[in-house]
Amino acid sequence: MPTQSEVLEGLNRAYIDSVQAADVDRFETLLAPDFLCSNPDGTLVDRAAFLRQIARGPGIAGLQAEDVRIRLMGDLAIVHAATAYRDAAGVSRRGRYTDVWRRDDKQWLAVSAHVTRGA
């Protein structure tokens, strides 16, 4: 049986893969009904708006999570990570994200995300 950290590592990979693949269906299973995301442009979007964003595609390529740190606090987990990707012009860029996961009825769901993109 996988540990909670291993479960969250898999969910984190699924989240990143779903961003890159614009996989709205997979996100339907990952996000809590009360999910909120702080976007790199400073906007705060709810679950429905986030799913619409995902459906449009990421506008980036080769998204990879690096230096992933998972902090477990009972039924709450915080994932901090760096990202590496290529922008629409093919230029290598870096960023960071922090995701908050909550365990409800033995299932982990993302309740919050904060994304930055930089040079």
PDB file of N, CA and C in Angstrom:
ATOM      1  N   MET A   1       0.847  -1.177   0.000  1.00  0.00           N
ATOM      2  CA  MET A   1       0.000   0.000   0.000  1.00  0.00           C
ATOM      3  C   MET A   1       0.899   1.248   0.000  1.00  0.00           C
ATOM      4  N   PRO A   2       0.616   2.209  -0.886  1.00  0.00           N
ATOM      5  CA  PRO A   2       1.468   3.400  -0.938  1.00  0.00           C
ATOM      6  C   PRO A   2       1.257   4.302   0.284  1.00  0.00           C
ATOM      7  N   THR A   3       2.324   4.989   0.648  1.00  0.00           N
ATOM      8  CA  THR A   3       2.220   5.964   1.734  1.00  0.00           C
ATOM      9  C   THR A   3       1.448   7.184   1.229  1.00  0.00           C
ATOM     10  N   GLN A   4       1.007   8.042   2.157  1.00  0.00           N
ATOM     11  CA  GLN A   4       0.311   9.268   1.750  1.00  0.00           C
ATOM     12  C   GLN A   4       1.226  10.165   0.919  1.00  0.00           C
ATOM     13  N   SER A   5       2.498  10.190   1.246  1.00  0.00           N
ATOM     14  CA  SER A   5       3.456  10.975   0.442  1.00  0.00           C
ATOM     15  C   SER A   5       3.536  10.440  -0.981  1.00  0.00           C
ATOM     16  N   GLU A   6       3.559   9.123  -1.130  1.00  0.00           N
ATOM     17  CA  GLU A   6       3.604   8.525  -2.472  1.00  0.00           C
ATOM     18  C   GLU A   6       2.323   8.820  -3.242  1.00  0.00           C
ATOM     19  N   VAL A   7       1.177   8.773  -2.567  1.00  0.00           N
ATOM     20  CA  VAL A   7      -0.093   9.117  -3.217  1.00  0.00           C
ATOM     21  C   VAL A   7      -0.042  10.554  -3.722  1.00  0.00           C
ATOM     22  N   LEU A   8       0.431  11.461  -2.875  1.00  0.00           N
ATOM     23  CA  LEU A   8       0.499  12.873  -3.261  1.00  0.00           C
ATOM     24  C   LEU A   8       1.527  13.114  -4.358  1.00  0.00           C
ATOM     25  N   GLU A   9       2.627  12.369  -4.359  1.00  0.00           N
ATOM     26  CA  GLU A   9       3.595  12.474  -5.459  1.00  0.00           C
ATOM     27  C   GLU A   9       2.922  12.111  -6.782  1.00  0.00           C
ATOM     28  N   GLY A  10       2.122  11.051  -6.778  1.00  0.00           N
ATOM     29  CA  GLY A  10       1.402  10.643  -7.988  1.00  0.00           C
ATOM     30  C   GLY A  10       0.373  11.675  -8.412  1.00  0.00           C
ATOM     31  N   LEU A  11      -0.346  12.233  -7.451  1.00  0.00           N
ATOM     32  CA  LEU A  11      -1.332  13.271  -7.771  1.00  0.00           C
ATOM     33  C   LEU A  11      -0.652  14.524  -8.308  1.00  0.00           C
ATOM     34  N   ASN A  12       0.503  14.873  -7.750  1.00  0.00           N
ATOM     35  CA  ASN A  12       1.245  16.020  -8.251  1.00  0.00           C
ATOM     36  C   ASN A  12       1.668  15.808  -9.704  1.00  0.00           C
ATOM     37  N   ARG A  13       2.167  14.608 -10.010  1.00  0.00           N
ATOM     38  CA  ARG A  13       2.542  14.290 -11.404  1.00  0.00           C
ATOM     39  C   ARG A  13       1.321  14.363 -12.315  1.00  0.00           C
ATOM     40  N   ALA A  14       0.189  13.830 -11.848  1.00  0.00           N
ATOM     41  CA  ALA A  14      -1.043  13.872 -12.650  1.00  0.00           C
ATOM     42  C   ALA A  14      -1.476  15.313 -12.903  1.00  0.00           C
ATOM     43  N   TYR A  15      -1.346  16.163 -11.917  1.00  0.00           N
ATOM     44  CA  TYR A  15      -1.714  17.578 -12.040  1.00  0.00           C
ATOM     45  C   TYR A  15      -0.848  18.242 -13.114  1.00  0.00           C
ATOM     46  N   ILE A  16       0.472  18.068 -13.024  1.00  0.00           N
ATOM     47  CA  ILE A  16       1.395  18.665 -13.998  1.00  0.00           C
ATOM     48  C   ILE A  16       1.130  18.111 -15.399  1.00  0.00           C
ATOM     49  N   ASP A  17       0.974  16.794 -15.513  1.00  0.00           N
ATOM     50  CA  ASP A  17       0.689  16.176 -16.814  1.00  0.00           C
ATOM     51  C   ASP A  17      -0.625  16.697 -17.385  1.00  0.00           C
ATOM     52  N   SER A  18      -1.608  16.909 -16.533  1.00  0.00           N
ATOM     53  CA  SER A  18      -2.918  17.391 -16.985  1.00  0.00           C
ATOM     54  C   SER A  18      -2.858  18.837 -17.456  1.00  0.00           C
ATOM     55  N   VAL A  19      -2.015  19.646 -16.839  1.00  0.00           N
ATOM     56  CA  VAL A  19      -1.812  21.011 -17.339  1.00  0.00           C
ATOM     57  C   VAL A  19      -1.248  20.945 -18.744  1.00  0.00           C
ATOM     58  N   GLN A  20      -0.170  20.180 -18.928  1.00  0.00           N
ATOM     59  CA  GLN A  20       0.501  20.111 -20.226  1.00  0.00           C
ATOM     60  C   GLN A  20      -0.408  19.538 -21.306  1.00  0.00           C
ATOM     61  N   ALA A  21      -1.242  18.558 -20.962  1.00  0.00           N
ATOM     62  CA  ALA A  21      -2.111  17.897 -21.940  1.00  0.00           C
ATOM     63  C   ALA A  21      -3.470  18.574 -22.086  1.00  0.00           C
ATOM     64  N   ALA A  22      -3.718  19.649 -21.323  1.00  0.00           N
ATOM     65  CA  ALA A  22      -5.032  20.319 -21.325  1.00  0.00           C
ATOM     66  C   ALA A  22      -6.138  19.298 -21.053  1.00  0.00           C
ATOM     67  N   ASP A  23      -5.917  18.439 -20.062  1.00  0.00           N
ATOM     68  CA  ASP A  23      -6.810  17.323 -19.759  1.00  0.00           C
ATOM     69  C   ASP A  23      -7.866  17.731 -18.719  1.00  0.00           C
ATOM     70  N   VAL A  24      -8.926  18.350 -19.204  1.00  0.00           N
ATOM     71  CA  VAL A  24     -10.009  18.813 -18.338  1.00  0.00           C
ATOM     72  C   VAL A  24     -10.650  17.642 -17.603  1.00  0.00           C
ATOM     73  N   ASP A  25     -10.847  16.525 -18.297  1.00  0.00           N
ATOM     74  CA  ASP A  25     -11.484  15.367 -17.663  1.00  0.00           C
ATOM     75  C   ASP A  25     -10.684  14.890 -16.446  1.00  0.00           C
ATOM     76  N   ARG A  26      -9.380  14.838 -16.555  1.00  0.00           N
ATOM     77  CA  ARG A  26      -8.557  14.407 -15.421  1.00  0.00           C
ATOM     78  C   ARG A  26      -8.649  15.428 -14.294  1.00  0.00           C
ATOM     79  N   PHE A  27      -8.639  16.729 -14.650  1.00  0.00           N
ATOM     80  CA  PHE A  27      -8.765  17.742 -13.611  1.00  0.00           C
ATOM     81  C   PHE A  27     -10.099  17.646 -12.883  1.00  0.00           C
ATOM     82  N   GLU A  28     -11.135  17.198 -13.552  1.00  0.00           N
ATOM     83  CA  GLU A  28     -12.435  17.018 -12.882  1.00  0.00           C
ATOM     84  C   GLU A  28     -12.304  16.096 -11.679  1.00  0.00           C
ATOM     85  N   THR A  29     -11.356  15.149 -11.734  1.00  0.00           N
ATOM     86  CA  THR A  29     -11.163  14.205 -10.635  1.00  0.00           C
ATOM     87  C   THR A  29     -10.158  14.692  -9.604  1.00  0.00           C
ATOM     88  N   LEU A  30      -9.387  15.727  -9.929  1.00  0.00           N
ATOM     89  CA  LEU A  30      -8.330  16.206  -9.044  1.00  0.00           C
ATOM     90  C   LEU A  30      -8.729  17.403  -8.193  1.00  0.00           C
ATOM     91  N   LEU A  31      -9.714  18.181  -8.650  1.00  0.00           N
ATOM     92  CA  LEU A  31     -10.033  19.447  -8.010  1.00  0.00           C
ATOM     93  C   LEU A  31     -11.256  19.358  -7.105  1.00  0.00           C
ATOM     94  N   ALA A  32     -11.152  19.957  -5.930  1.00  0.00           N
ATOM     95  CA  ALA A  32     -12.292  20.068  -5.019  1.00  0.00           C
ATOM     96  C   ALA A  32     -13.297  21.068  -5.584  1.00  0.00           C
ATOM     97  N   PRO A  33     -14.569  20.938  -5.203  1.00  0.00           N
ATOM     98  CA  PRO A  33     -15.577  21.891  -5.676  1.00  0.00           C
ATOM     99  C   PRO A  33     -15.240  23.345  -5.327  1.00  0.00           C
ATOM    100  N   ASP A  34     -14.537  23.559  -4.209  1.00  0.00           N
ATOM    101  CA  ASP A  34     -14.209  24.923  -3.777  1.00  0.00           C
ATOM    102  C   ASP A  34     -12.800  25.363  -4.190  1.00  0.00           C
ATOM    103  N   PHE A  35     -12.205  24.692  -5.182  1.00  0.00           N
ATOM    104  CA  PHE A  35     -10.862  24.990  -5.661  1.00  0.00           C
ATOM    105  C   PHE A  35     -10.739  26.445  -6.138  1.00  0.00           C
ATOM    106  N   LEU A  36      -9.608  27.075  -5.801  1.00  0.00           N
ATOM    107  CA  LEU A  36      -9.258  28.407  -6.287  1.00  0.00           C
ATOM    108  C   LEU A  36      -7.813  28.391  -6.766  1.00  0.00           C
ATOM    109  N   CYS A  37      -7.524  29.171  -7.808  1.00  0.00           N
ATOM    110  CA  CYS A  37      -6.162  29.263  -8.339  1.00  0.00           C
ATOM    111  C   CYS A  37      -5.759  30.718  -8.506  1.00  0.00           C
ATOM    112  N   SER A  38      -4.588  31.048  -7.955  1.00  0.00           N
ATOM    113  CA  SER A  38      -3.960  32.343  -8.206  1.00  0.00           C
ATOM    114  C   SER A  38      -3.060  32.171  -9.420  1.00  0.00           C
ATOM    115  N   ASN A  39      -3.398  32.851 -10.500  1.00  0.00           N
ATOM    116  CA  ASN A  39      -2.667  32.744 -11.761  1.00  0.00           C
ATOM    117  C   ASN A  39      -1.410  33.617 -11.760  1.00  0.00           C
ATOM    118  N   PRO A  40      -0.485  33.332 -12.677  1.00  0.00           N
ATOM    119  CA  PRO A  40       0.728  34.150 -12.767  1.00  0.00           C
ATOM    120  C   PRO A  40       0.455  35.639 -13.023  1.00  0.00           C
ATOM    121  N   ASP A  41      -0.681  35.963 -13.653  1.00  0.00           N
ATOM    122  CA  ASP A  41      -1.006  37.370 -13.926  1.00  0.00           C
ATOM    123  C   ASP A  41      -1.686  38.057 -12.745  1.00  0.00           C
ATOM    124  N   GLY A  42      -1.835  37.344 -11.632  1.00  0.00           N
ATOM    125  CA  GLY A  42      -2.420  37.921 -10.431  1.00  0.00           C
ATOM    126  C   GLY A  42      -3.914  37.721 -10.279  1.00  0.00           C
ATOM    127  N   THR A  43      -4.566  37.143 -11.281  1.00  0.00           N
ATOM    128  CA  THR A  43      -6.005  36.888 -11.161  1.00  0.00           C
ATOM    129  C   THR A  43      -6.255  35.666 -10.284  1.00  0.00           C
ATOM    130  N   LEU A  44      -7.399  35.684  -9.634  1.00  0.00           N
ATOM    131  CA  LEU A  44      -7.848  34.556  -8.819  1.00  0.00           C
ATOM    132  C   LEU A  44      -9.066  33.964  -9.503  1.00  0.00           C
ATOM    133  N   VAL A  45      -9.005  32.661  -9.837  1.00  0.00           N
ATOM    134  CA  VAL A  45     -10.109  32.027 -10.550  1.00  0.00           C
ATOM    135  C   VAL A  45     -10.651  30.849  -9.760  1.00  0.00           C
ATOM    136  N   ASP A  46     -11.946  30.610  -9.913  1.00  0.00           N
ATOM    137  CA  ASP A  46     -12.574  29.460  -9.268  1.00  0.00           C
ATOM    138  C   ASP A  46     -12.396  28.227 -10.148  1.00  0.00           C
ATOM    139  N   ARG A  47     -12.944  27.132  -9.699  1.00  0.00           N
ATOM    140  CA  ARG A  47     -12.800  25.846 -10.392  1.00  0.00           C
ATOM    141  C   ARG A  47     -13.277  25.912 -11.839  1.00  0.00           C
ATOM    142  N   ALA A  48     -14.467  26.462 -12.071  1.00  0.00           N
ATOM    143  CA  ALA A  48     -15.024  26.509 -13.426  1.00  0.00           C
ATOM    144  C   ALA A  48     -14.139  27.336 -14.360  1.00  0.00           C
ATOM    145  N   ALA A  49     -13.670  28.480 -13.899  1.00  0.00           N
ATOM    146  CA  ALA A  49     -12.802  29.323 -14.729  1.00  0.00           C
ATOM    147  C   ALA A  49     -11.455  28.643 -14.969  1.00  0.00           C
ATOM    148  N   PHE A  50     -10.939  27.946 -13.962  1.00  0.00           N
ATOM    149  CA  PHE A  50      -9.686  27.220 -14.121  1.00  0.00           C
ATOM    150  C   PHE A  50      -9.831  26.132 -15.185  1.00  0.00           C
ATOM    151  N   LEU A  51     -10.929  25.396 -15.151  1.00  0.00           N
ATOM    152  CA  LEU A  51     -11.151  24.343 -16.145  1.00  0.00           C
ATOM    153  C   LEU A  51     -11.262  24.934 -17.552  1.00  0.00           C
ATOM    154  N   ARG A  52     -11.873  26.104 -17.683  1.00  0.00           N
ATOM    155  CA  ARG A  52     -11.928  26.769 -18.998  1.00  0.00           C
ATOM    156  C   ARG A  52     -10.522  27.150 -19.462  1.00  0.00           C
ATOM    157  N   GLN A  53      -9.699  27.628 -18.537  1.00  0.00           N
ATOM    158  CA  GLN A  53      -8.303  27.949 -18.869  1.00  0.00           C
ATOM    159  C   GLN A  53      -7.574  26.704 -19.365  1.00  0.00           C
ATOM    160  N   ILE A  54      -7.739  25.614 -18.645  1.00  0.00           N
ATOM    161  CA  ILE A  54      -7.064  24.364 -19.011  1.00  0.00           C
ATOM    162  C   ILE A  54      -7.496  23.926 -20.405  1.00  0.00           C
ATOM    163  N   ALA A  55      -8.772  24.038 -20.712  1.00  0.00           N
ATOM    164  CA  ALA A  55      -9.299  23.602 -22.016  1.00  0.00           C
ATOM    165  C   ALA A  55      -8.660  24.376 -23.168  1.00  0.00           C
ATOM    166  N   ARG A  56      -8.240  25.614 -22.933  1.00  0.00           N
ATOM    167  CA  ARG A  56      -7.608  26.425 -23.987  1.00  0.00           C
ATOM    168  C   ARG A  56      -6.191  25.975 -24.289  1.00  0.00           C
ATOM    169  N   GLY A  57      -5.613  25.171 -23.424  1.00  0.00           N
ATOM    170  CA  GLY A  57      -4.234  24.733 -23.608  1.00  0.00           C
ATOM    171  C   GLY A  57      -3.282  25.601 -22.811  1.00  0.00           C
ATOM    172  N   PRO A  58      -2.095  25.064 -22.513  1.00  0.00           N
ATOM    173  CA  PRO A  58      -1.198  25.747 -21.593  1.00  0.00           C
ATOM    174  C   PRO A  58      -0.411  26.923 -22.176  1.00  0.00           C
ATOM    175  N   GLY A  59      -0.212  26.952 -23.484  1.00  0.00           N
ATOM    176  CA  GLY A  59       0.614  28.006 -24.061  1.00  0.00           C
ATOM    177  C   GLY A  59       2.096  27.837 -23.739  1.00  0.00           C
ATOM    178  N   ILE A  60       2.446  26.714 -23.141  1.00  0.00           N
ATOM    179  CA  ILE A  60       3.833  26.380 -22.829  1.00  0.00           C
ATOM    180  C   ILE A  60       4.064  24.924 -23.216  1.00  0.00           C
ATOM    181  N   ALA A  61       5.336  24.530 -23.279  1.00  0.00           N
ATOM    182  CA  ALA A  61       5.672  23.150 -23.634  1.00  0.00           C
ATOM    183  C   ALA A  61       6.734  22.616 -22.686  1.00  0.00           C
ATOM    184  N   GLY A  62       6.805  21.311 -22.590  1.00  0.00           N
ATOM    185  CA  GLY A  62       7.850  20.658 -21.816  1.00  0.00           C
ATOM    186  C   GLY A  62       7.796  20.923 -20.327  1.00  0.00           C
ATOM    187  N   LEU A  63       6.603  21.117 -19.791  1.00  0.00           N
ATOM    188  CA  LEU A  63       6.452  21.448 -18.375  1.00  0.00           C
ATOM    189  C   LEU A  63       6.976  20.310 -17.500  1.00  0.00           C
ATOM    190  N   GLN A  64       7.898  20.653 -16.612  1.00  0.00           N
ATOM    191  CA  GLN A  64       8.468  19.684 -15.681  1.00  0.00           C
ATOM    192  C   GLN A  64       8.455  20.263 -14.280  1.00  0.00           C
ATOM    193  N   ALA A  65       8.121  19.441 -13.304  1.00  0.00           N
ATOM    194  CA  ALA A  65       8.206  19.836 -11.895  1.00  0.00           C
ATOM    195  C   ALA A  65       9.558  19.393 -11.355  1.00  0.00           C
ATOM    196  N   GLU A  66      10.185  20.285 -10.594  1.00  0.00           N
ATOM    197  CA  GLU A  66      11.497  20.003 -10.007  1.00  0.00           C
ATOM    198  C   GLU A  66      11.480  20.402  -8.534  1.00  0.00           C
ATOM    199  N   ASP A  67      12.386  19.849  -7.774  1.00  0.00           N
ATOM    200  CA  ASP A  67      12.521  20.200  -6.359  1.00  0.00           C
ATOM    201  C   ASP A  67      11.163  20.166  -5.657  1.00  0.00           C
ATOM    202  N   VAL A  68      10.438  19.069  -5.860  1.00  0.00           N
ATOM    203  CA  VAL A  68       9.102  18.912  -5.278  1.00  0.00           C
ATOM    204  C   VAL A  68       9.235  18.599  -3.786  1.00  0.00           C
ATOM    205  N   ARG A  69       8.540  19.388  -2.984  1.00  0.00           N
ATOM    206  CA  ARG A  69       8.535  19.180  -1.530  1.00  0.00           C
ATOM    207  C   ARG A  69       7.090  19.050  -1.070  1.00  0.00           C
ATOM    208  N   ILE A  70       6.795  17.938  -0.432  1.00  0.00           N
ATOM    209  CA  ILE A  70       5.439  17.662   0.045  1.00  0.00           C
ATOM    210  C   ILE A  70       5.445  17.711   1.569  1.00  0.00           C
ATOM    211  N   ARG A  71       4.564  18.543   2.096  1.00  0.00           N
ATOM    212  CA  ARG A  71       4.434  18.694   3.543  1.00  0.00           C
ATOM    213  C   ARG A  71       3.059  18.186   3.950  1.00  0.00           C
ATOM    214  N   LEU A  72       3.036  17.123   4.743  1.00  0.00           N
ATOM    215  CA  LEU A  72       1.790  16.526   5.224  1.00  0.00           C
ATOM    216  C   LEU A  72       1.445  17.060   6.608  1.00  0.00           C
ATOM    217  N   MET A  73       0.179  17.439   6.775  1.00  0.00           N
ATOM    218  CA  MET A  73      -0.317  17.944   8.053  1.00  0.00           C
ATOM    219  C   MET A  73      -1.693  17.357   8.294  1.00  0.00           C
ATOM    220  N   GLY A  74      -1.733  16.082   8.605  1.00  0.00           N
ATOM    221  CA  GLY A  74      -3.009  15.409   8.808  1.00  0.00           C
ATOM    222  C   GLY A  74      -3.761  15.274   7.492  1.00  0.00           C
ATOM    223  N   ASP A  75      -4.949  15.857   7.433  1.00  0.00           N
ATOM    224  CA  ASP A  75      -5.765  15.777   6.220  1.00  0.00           C
ATOM    225  C   ASP A  75      -5.510  16.934   5.267  1.00  0.00           C
ATOM    226  N   LEU A  76      -4.369  17.605   5.438  1.00  0.00           N
ATOM    227  CA  LEU A  76      -3.970  18.702   4.580  1.00  0.00           C
ATOM    228  C   LEU A  76      -2.540  18.455   4.125  1.00  0.00           C
ATOM    229  N   ALA A  77      -2.250  18.789   2.871  1.00  0.00           N
ATOM    230  CA  ALA A  77      -0.890  18.677   2.351  1.00  0.00           C
ATOM    231  C   ALA A  77      -0.594  19.899   1.499  1.00  0.00           C
ATOM    232  N   ILE A  78       0.642  20.361   1.588  1.00  0.00           N
ATOM    233  CA  ILE A  78       1.101  21.483   0.768  1.00  0.00           C
ATOM    234  C   ILE A  78       2.239  20.973  -0.095  1.00  0.00           C
ATOM    235  N   VAL A  79       2.133  21.235  -1.393  1.00  0.00           N
ATOM    236  CA  VAL A  79       3.163  20.842  -2.348  1.00  0.00           C
ATOM    237  C   VAL A  79       3.818  22.116  -2.873  1.00  0.00           C
ATOM    238  N   HIS A  80       5.127  22.231  -2.669  1.00  0.00           N
ATOM    239  CA  HIS A  80       5.924  23.338  -3.206  1.00  0.00           C
ATOM    240  C   HIS A  80       6.824  22.745  -4.289  1.00  0.00           C
ATOM    241  N   ALA A  81       6.962  23.431  -5.420  1.00  0.00           N
ATOM    242  CA  ALA A  81       7.843  22.920  -6.463  1.00  0.00           C
ATOM    243  C   ALA A  81       8.268  24.038  -7.405  1.00  0.00           C
ATOM    244  N   ALA A  82       9.382  23.798  -8.060  1.00  0.00           N
ATOM    245  CA  ALA A  82       9.846  24.662  -9.144  1.00  0.00           C
ATOM    246  C   ALA A  82       9.388  24.044 -10.456  1.00  0.00           C
ATOM    247  N   THR A  83       9.275  24.872 -11.479  1.00  0.00           N
ATOM    248  CA  THR A  83       8.931  24.367 -12.798  1.00  0.00           C
ATOM    249  C   THR A  83       9.963  24.823 -13.816  1.00  0.00           C
ATOM    250  N   ALA A  84      10.104  24.009 -14.839  1.00  0.00           N
ATOM    251  CA  ALA A  84      10.893  24.357 -16.016  1.00  0.00           C
ATOM    252  C   ALA A  84       9.984  24.094 -17.210  1.00  0.00           C
ATOM    253  N   TYR A  85      10.014  24.999 -18.182  1.00  0.00           N
ATOM    254  CA  TYR A  85       9.149  24.876 -19.358  1.00  0.00           C
ATOM    255  C   TYR A  85       9.687  25.762 -20.476  1.00  0.00           C
ATOM    256  N   ARG A  86       9.097  25.630 -21.657  1.00  0.00           N
ATOM    257  CA  ARG A  86       9.398  26.515 -22.788  1.00  0.00           C
ATOM    258  C   ARG A  86       8.158  27.345 -23.073  1.00  0.00           C
ATOM    259  N   ASP A  87       8.347  28.641 -23.271  1.00  0.00           N
ATOM    260  CA  ASP A  87       7.207  29.499 -23.579  1.00  0.00           C
ATOM    261  C   ASP A  87       6.801  29.336 -25.042  1.00  0.00           C
ATOM    262  N   ALA A  88       5.815  30.095 -25.483  1.00  0.00           N
ATOM    263  CA  ALA A  88       5.284  29.963 -26.848  1.00  0.00           C
ATOM    264  C   ALA A  88       6.353  30.217 -27.913  1.00  0.00           C
ATOM    265  N   ALA A  89       7.381  31.000 -27.577  1.00  0.00           N
ATOM    266  CA  ALA A  89       8.467  31.281 -28.514  1.00  0.00           C
ATOM    267  C   ALA A  89       9.583  30.238 -28.428  1.00  0.00           C
ATOM    268  N   GLY A  90       9.425  29.252 -27.542  1.00  0.00           N
ATOM    269  CA  GLY A  90      10.427  28.202 -27.390  1.00  0.00           C
ATOM    270  C   GLY A  90      11.554  28.544 -26.434  1.00  0.00           C
ATOM    271  N   VAL A  91      11.434  29.660 -25.726  1.00  0.00           N
ATOM    272  CA  VAL A  91      12.455  30.088 -24.771  1.00  0.00           C
ATOM    273  C   VAL A  91      12.273  29.339 -23.448  1.00  0.00           C
ATOM    274  N   SER A  92      13.378  28.829 -22.903  1.00  0.00           N
ATOM    275  CA  SER A  92      13.331  28.135 -21.615  1.00  0.00           C
ATOM    276  C   SER A  92      13.024  29.126 -20.503  1.00  0.00           C
ATOM    277  N   ARG A  93      12.089  28.740 -19.651  1.00  0.00           N
ATOM    278  CA  ARG A  93      11.661  29.580 -18.530  1.00  0.00           C
ATOM    279  C   ARG A  93      11.574  28.739 -17.271  1.00  0.00           C
ATOM    280  N   ARG A  94      11.436  29.434 -16.150  1.00  0.00           N
ATOM    281  CA  ARG A  94      11.284  28.769 -14.870  1.00  0.00           C
ATOM    282  C   ARG A  94      10.136  29.415 -14.121  1.00  0.00           C
ATOM    283  N   GLY A  95       9.607  28.714 -13.145  1.00  0.00           N
ATOM    284  CA  GLY A  95       8.539  29.233 -12.309  1.00  0.00           C
ATOM    285  C   GLY A  95       8.457  28.436 -11.021  1.00  0.00           C
ATOM    286  N   ARG A  96       7.391  28.684 -10.280  1.00  0.00           N
ATOM    287  CA  ARG A  96       7.136  27.939  -9.041  1.00  0.00           C
ATOM    288  C   ARG A  96       5.637  27.767  -8.881  1.00  0.00           C
ATOM    289  N   TYR A  97       5.265  26.788  -8.090  1.00  0.00           N
ATOM    290  CA  TYR A  97       3.863  26.638  -7.710  1.00  0.00           C
ATOM    291  C   TYR A  97       3.762  26.092  -6.306  1.00  0.00           C
ATOM    292  N   THR A  98       2.652  26.406  -5.690  1.00  0.00           N
ATOM    293  CA  THR A  98       2.289  25.852  -4.395  1.00  0.00           C
ATOM    294  C   THR A  98       0.859  25.370  -4.512  1.00  0.00           C
ATOM    295  N   ASP A  99       0.640  24.104  -4.266  1.00  0.00           N
ATOM    296  CA  ASP A  99      -0.700  23.513  -4.303  1.00  0.00           C
ATOM    297  C   ASP A  99      -1.061  23.021  -2.904  1.00  0.00           C
ATOM    298  N   VAL A 100      -2.312  23.208  -2.547  1.00  0.00           N
ATOM    299  CA  VAL A 100      -2.819  22.714  -1.264  1.00  0.00           C
ATOM    300  C   VAL A 100      -3.835  21.620  -1.558  1.00  0.00           C
ATOM    301  N   TRP A 101      -3.655  20.491  -0.915  1.00  0.00           N
ATOM    302  CA  TRP A 101      -4.529  19.331  -1.079  1.00  0.00           C
ATOM    303  C   TRP A 101      -5.211  19.039   0.252  1.00  0.00           C
ATOM    304  N   ARG A 102      -6.471  18.614   0.176  1.00  0.00           N
ATOM    305  CA  ARG A 102      -7.246  18.240   1.367  1.00  0.00           C
ATOM    306  C   ARG A 102      -7.783  16.819   1.159  1.00  0.00           C
ATOM    307  N   ARG A 103      -7.688  16.021   2.215  1.00  0.00           N
ATOM    308  CA  ARG A 103      -8.203  14.645   2.138  1.00  0.00           C
ATOM    309  C   ARG A 103      -9.618  14.628   2.693  1.00  0.00           C
ATOM    310  N   ASP A 104     -10.556  14.221   1.838  1.00  0.00           N
ATOM    311  CA  ASP A 104     -11.971  14.062   2.199  1.00  0.00           C
ATOM    312  C   ASP A 104     -12.355  12.612   1.928  1.00  0.00           C
ATOM    313  N   ASP A 105     -12.879  11.927   2.910  1.00  0.00           N
ATOM    314  CA  ASP A 105     -13.308  10.532   2.715  1.00  0.00           C
ATOM    315  C   ASP A 105     -12.227   9.696   2.050  1.00  0.00           C
ATOM    316  N   LYS A 106     -10.988   9.884   2.503  1.00  0.00           N
ATOM    317  CA  LYS A 106      -9.834   9.111   2.037  1.00  0.00           C
ATOM    318  C   LYS A 106      -9.388   9.464   0.624  1.00  0.00           C
ATOM    319  N   GLN A 107      -9.933  10.505   0.033  1.00  0.00           N
ATOM    320  CA  GLN A 107      -9.527  10.950  -1.301  1.00  0.00           C
ATOM    321  C   GLN A 107      -8.898  12.341  -1.184  1.00  0.00           C
ATOM    322  N   TRP A 108      -7.740  12.517  -1.803  1.00  0.00           N
ATOM    323  CA  TRP A 108      -7.087  13.815  -1.826  1.00  0.00           C
ATOM    324  C   TRP A 108      -7.617  14.628  -3.001  1.00  0.00           C
ATOM    325  N   LEU A 109      -7.982  15.898  -2.754  1.00  0.00           N
ATOM    326  CA  LEU A 109      -8.422  16.817  -3.792  1.00  0.00           C
ATOM    327  C   LEU A 109      -7.669  18.137  -3.637  1.00  0.00           C
ATOM    328  N   ALA A 110      -7.308  18.732  -4.747  1.00  0.00           N
ATOM    329  CA  ALA A 110      -6.644  20.038  -4.716  1.00  0.00           C
ATOM    330  C   ALA A 110      -7.673  21.108  -4.375  1.00  0.00           C
ATOM    331  N   VAL A 111      -7.352  21.945  -3.398  1.00  0.00           N
ATOM    332  CA  VAL A 111      -8.263  23.021  -2.997  1.00  0.00           C
ATOM    333  C   VAL A 111      -7.711  24.392  -3.369  1.00  0.00           C
ATOM    334  N   SER A 112      -6.401  24.462  -3.631  1.00  0.00           N
ATOM    335  CA  SER A 112      -5.807  25.756  -3.931  1.00  0.00           C
ATOM    336  C   SER A 112      -4.527  25.564  -4.732  1.00  0.00           C
ATOM    337  N   ALA A 113      -4.270  26.516  -5.626  1.00  0.00           N
ATOM    338  CA  ALA A 113      -3.019  26.534  -6.377  1.00  0.00           C
ATOM    339  C   ALA A 113      -2.564  27.979  -6.506  1.00  0.00           C
ATOM    340  N   HIS A 114      -1.266  28.175  -6.453  1.00  0.00           N
ATOM    341  CA  HIS A 114      -0.670  29.486  -6.681  1.00  0.00           C
ATOM    342  C   HIS A 114       0.492  29.268  -7.638  1.00  0.00           C
ATOM    343  N   VAL A 115       0.456  29.946  -8.785  1.00  0.00           N
ATOM    344  CA  VAL A 115       1.424  29.702  -9.859  1.00  0.00           C
ATOM    345  C   VAL A 115       2.170  30.985 -10.184  1.00  0.00           C
ATOM    346  N   THR A 116       3.499  30.886 -10.296  1.00  0.00           N
ATOM    347  CA  THR A 116       4.296  32.001 -10.783  1.00  0.00           C
ATOM    348  C   THR A 116       5.095  31.537 -11.998  1.00  0.00           C
ATOM    349  N   ARG A 117       5.341  32.454 -12.885  1.00  0.00           N
ATOM    350  CA  ARG A 117       6.189  32.183 -14.038  1.00  0.00           C
ATOM    351  C   ARG A 117       7.193  33.323 -14.145  1.00  0.00           C
ATOM    352  N   GLY A 118       8.431  32.946 -14.373  1.00  0.00           N
ATOM    353  CA  GLY A 118       9.478  33.959 -14.436  1.00  0.00           C
ATOM    354  C   GLY A 118      10.406  33.722 -15.598  1.00  0.00           C
ATOM    355  N   ALA A 119      11.610  34.204 -15.429  1.00  0.00           N
ATOM    356  CA  ALA A 119      12.631  34.111 -16.484  1.00  0.00           C
ATOM    357  C   ALA A 119      13.236  32.741 -16.554  1.00  0.00           C
TER     358      ALA A 119
END
